[in-house]
Structure formats: structure tokens, C-alpha cells
Amino acid sequence: MCLAIPGKLIEIAPDAQGVRMGKANFGGIVKQVCLEYTPEVMIGDYVLVHVGFALSKVNEEEAARTYKALEELQQLGELDVPDVDDPEADPFPESPPAQIRPAA
């Protein structure tokens, strides 16, 4: 199942290649999102985001209702995945440490 999670835009700026990007707040977790599919959105707007792309603008009530439903269904796990741009983020937070064995 594909889910789009509502987030509130808190920043908008083009990236180094000129792609319209933004930062969205998802219940206290801030993630970078691509805004190329939603050129009409502005800071303070709510957007539905799927795999890092803002797909549509929604009003605050719809965003709150959707977020609450996803939270109750425990479908917000993808927010725990670190951003690629975070150099200190562990890309495999639940992986056990690697064990190196000496060559025989």
C-alpha cells in the first residue's frame, strides 16, 4: 500500500540544480521534500508527501485528520528513516554491528 503523509511546509528554497525543494514538519520530524509537482504551495501550507515528493496541497483540517488516522494505524514508520543529507544519521539503525573475523 502506498501512503502519503501530510506535513506543514516550513521552508522553501531551490537546491543546487535549481529544483524547488522544501522542508516539511511531520508531527515534529522535519524532512526535505521535492515541491516540483506542487508549484502553488507556499510556506505554511500543508502537503501530502509520498517518498519525498509533495503530491498535493491539503487544508489543515484534512492534514490533521489524515495524520491522526495514519498514527492510529501505526503507518508513520517511514518518518523514522534518516534523511540522506544527514551525515550523522545511521542508515541502518536496527542492524546489528558487523563482526569481522580474521582470515584463516
C-alpha atoms as a PDB file:
ATOM      1  CA  MET A   1       0.000   0.000   0.000  1.00  0.00           C
ATOM      2  CA  CYS A   2       1.267   3.481  -0.840  1.00  0.00           C
ATOM      3  CA  LEU A   3       0.698   6.194   1.729  1.00  0.00           C
ATOM      4  CA  ALA A   4       1.075   9.947   1.511  1.00  0.00           C
ATOM      5  CA  ILE A   5       1.772  11.650   4.820  1.00  0.00           C
ATOM      6  CA  PRO A   6       0.664  15.246   5.492  1.00  0.00           C
ATOM      7  CA  GLY A   7       3.294  17.761   6.535  1.00  0.00           C
ATOM      8  CA  LYS A   8       3.460  21.517   7.035  1.00  0.00           C
ATOM      9  CA  LEU A   9       5.936  23.412   4.853  1.00  0.00           C
ATOM     10  CA  ILE A  10       8.361  25.414   6.962  1.00  0.00           C
ATOM     11  CA  GLU A  11      10.947  26.318   4.314  1.00  0.00           C
ATOM     12  CA  ILE A  12      11.159  26.583   0.523  1.00  0.00           C
ATOM     13  CA  ALA A  13      14.372  27.003  -1.481  1.00  0.00           C
ATOM     14  CA  PRO A  14      15.847  25.688  -4.734  1.00  0.00           C
ATOM     15  CA  ASP A  15      18.609  23.107  -4.452  1.00  0.00           C
ATOM     16  CA  ALA A  16      21.986  23.393  -6.237  1.00  0.00           C
ATOM     17  CA  GLN A  17      20.425  22.202  -9.512  1.00  0.00           C
ATOM     18  CA  GLY A  18      17.511  24.642  -9.269  1.00  0.00           C
ATOM     19  CA  VAL A  19      14.919  22.045  -8.208  1.00  0.00           C
ATOM     20  CA  ARG A  20      12.224  23.551  -5.961  1.00  0.00           C
ATOM     21  CA  MET A  21      12.672  21.885  -2.581  1.00  0.00           C
ATOM     22  CA  GLY A  22      11.280  22.466   0.875  1.00  0.00           C
ATOM     23  CA  LYS A  23      11.324  21.256   4.435  1.00  0.00           C
ATOM     24  CA  ALA A  24       8.122  19.865   5.890  1.00  0.00           C
ATOM     25  CA  ASN A  25       7.270  19.226   9.527  1.00  0.00           C
ATOM     26  CA  PHE A  26       5.594  15.880  10.169  1.00  0.00           C
ATOM     27  CA  GLY A  27       4.494  15.958  13.791  1.00  0.00           C
ATOM     28  CA  GLY A  28       7.876  17.257  14.974  1.00  0.00           C
ATOM     29  CA  ILE A  29      10.042  15.393  12.453  1.00  0.00           C
ATOM     30  CA  VAL A  30      11.389  17.634   9.686  1.00  0.00           C
ATOM     31  CA  LYS A  31      12.164  16.130   6.280  1.00  0.00           C
ATOM     32  CA  GLN A  32      13.277  17.536   2.954  1.00  0.00           C
ATOM     33  CA  VAL A  33      10.652  17.234   0.191  1.00  0.00           C
ATOM     34  CA  CYS A  34      10.564  17.946  -3.523  1.00  0.00           C
ATOM     35  CA  LEU A  35       7.986  20.590  -4.473  1.00  0.00           C
ATOM     36  CA  GLU A  36       8.220  20.321  -8.262  1.00  0.00           C
ATOM     37  CA  TYR A  37       4.746  18.698  -8.512  1.00  0.00           C
ATOM     38  CA  THR A  38       3.156  21.394  -6.330  1.00  0.00           C
ATOM     39  CA  PRO A  39       4.374  24.753  -7.649  1.00  0.00           C
ATOM     40  CA  GLU A  40       1.449  26.602  -5.999  1.00  0.00           C
ATOM     41  CA  VAL A  41       2.382  25.779  -2.394  1.00  0.00           C
ATOM     42  CA  MET A  42       3.883  28.330  -0.012  1.00  0.00           C
ATOM     43  CA  ILE A  43       5.409  28.272   3.465  1.00  0.00           C
ATOM     44  CA  GLY A  44       2.698  27.376   5.983  1.00  0.00           C
ATOM     45  CA  ASP A  45       0.743  25.198   3.543  1.00  0.00           C
ATOM     46  CA  TYR A  46       0.091  21.518   4.198  1.00  0.00           C
ATOM     47  CA  VAL A  47       1.119  18.976   1.567  1.00  0.00           C
ATOM     48  CA  LEU A  48       0.679  15.231   1.151  1.00  0.00           C
ATOM     49  CA  VAL A  49       4.129  13.665   0.729  1.00  0.00           C
ATOM     50  CA  HIS A  50       4.957  10.255  -0.709  1.00  0.00           C
ATOM     51  CA  VAL A  51       8.582   9.045  -0.955  1.00  0.00           C
ATOM     52  CA  GLY A  52       9.869  12.599  -0.619  1.00  0.00           C
ATOM     53  CA  PHE A  53       7.591  14.216  -3.219  1.00  0.00           C
ATOM     54  CA  ALA A  54       4.813  16.643  -2.304  1.00  0.00           C
ATOM     55  CA  LEU A  55       1.900  15.401  -4.415  1.00  0.00           C
ATOM     56  CA  SER A  56      -0.895  17.772  -3.446  1.00  0.00           C
ATOM     57  CA  LYS A  57      -1.893  20.599  -1.155  1.00  0.00           C
ATOM     58  CA  VAL A  58      -4.452  19.928   1.599  1.00  0.00           C
ATOM     59  CA  ASN A  59      -6.086  22.131   4.201  1.00  0.00           C
ATOM     60  CA  GLU A  60      -5.080  21.979   7.864  1.00  0.00           C
ATOM     61  CA  GLU A  61      -8.156  20.003   8.945  1.00  0.00           C
ATOM     62  CA  GLU A  62      -7.613  17.324   6.291  1.00  0.00           C
ATOM     63  CA  ALA A  63      -3.918  17.137   7.204  1.00  0.00           C
ATOM     64  CA  ALA A  64      -4.718  16.666  10.909  1.00  0.00           C
ATOM     65  CA  ARG A  65      -7.380  14.050  10.193  1.00  0.00           C
ATOM     66  CA  THR A  66      -5.100  12.085   7.857  1.00  0.00           C
ATOM     67  CA  TYR A  67      -2.103  12.264  10.213  1.00  0.00           C
ATOM     68  CA  LYS A  68      -4.220  11.059  13.137  1.00  0.00           C
ATOM     69  CA  ALA A  69      -5.591   8.123  11.119  1.00  0.00           C
ATOM     70  CA  LEU A  70      -2.101   7.096   9.990  1.00  0.00           C
ATOM     71  CA  GLU A  71      -0.838   7.387  13.551  1.00  0.00           C
ATOM     72  CA  GLU A  72      -3.661   5.159  14.855  1.00  0.00           C
ATOM     73  CA  LEU A  73      -2.869   2.596  12.147  1.00  0.00           C
ATOM     74  CA  GLN A  74       0.848   2.769  13.037  1.00  0.00           C
ATOM     75  CA  GLN A  75       1.729   3.783   9.475  1.00  0.00           C
ATOM     76  CA  LEU A  76       4.178   6.594  10.245  1.00  0.00           C
ATOM     77  CA  GLY A  77       7.294   4.400  10.461  1.00  0.00           C
ATOM     78  CA  GLU A  78       8.879   5.863   7.344  1.00  0.00           C
ATOM     79  CA  LEU A  79       9.337   9.135   9.208  1.00  0.00           C
ATOM     80  CA  ASP A  80      11.939   7.388  11.366  1.00  0.00           C
ATOM     81  CA  VAL A  81      14.192   6.796   8.344  1.00  0.00           C
ATOM     82  CA  PRO A  82      17.053   9.334   8.371  1.00  0.00           C
ATOM     83  CA  ASP A  83      17.427  11.832   5.536  1.00  0.00           C
ATOM     84  CA  VAL A  84      20.199  11.080   3.058  1.00  0.00           C
ATOM     85  CA  ASP A  85      21.609  14.569   3.651  1.00  0.00           C
ATOM     86  CA  ASP A  86      22.160  13.890   7.373  1.00  0.00           C
ATOM     87  CA  PRO A  87      25.874  12.903   7.612  1.00  0.00           C
ATOM     88  CA  GLU A  88      25.484  11.646  11.183  1.00  0.00           C
ATOM     89  CA  ALA A  89      22.415   9.510  10.530  1.00  0.00           C
ATOM     90  CA  ASP A  90      22.817   5.773  10.786  1.00  0.00           C
ATOM     91  CA  PRO A  91      21.453   4.359   7.503  1.00  0.00           C
ATOM     92  CA  PHE A  92      20.790   1.001   9.179  1.00  0.00           C
ATOM     93  CA  PRO A  93      19.585   1.870  12.693  1.00  0.00           C
ATOM     94  CA  GLU A  94      18.301  -1.605  13.512  1.00  0.00           C
ATOM     95  CA  SER A  95      21.203  -3.582  12.041  1.00  0.00           C
ATOM     96  CA  PRO A  96      23.494  -5.395  14.455  1.00  0.00           C
ATOM     97  CA  PRO A  97      27.146  -4.317  14.373  1.00  0.00           C
ATOM     98  CA  ALA A  98      29.244  -6.090  11.769  1.00  0.00           C
ATOM     99  CA  GLN A  99      31.551  -8.787  13.059  1.00  0.00           C
ATOM    100  CA  ILE A 100      34.905  -9.114  11.351  1.00  0.00           C
ATOM    101  CA  ARG A 101      36.578 -12.477  11.554  1.00  0.00           C
ATOM    102  CA  PRO A 102      40.274 -12.898  10.924  1.00  0.00           C
ATOM    103  CA  ALA A 103      41.230 -14.791   7.780  1.00  0.00           C
ATOM    104  CA  ALA A 104      42.129 -18.416   8.441  1.00  0.00           C
END
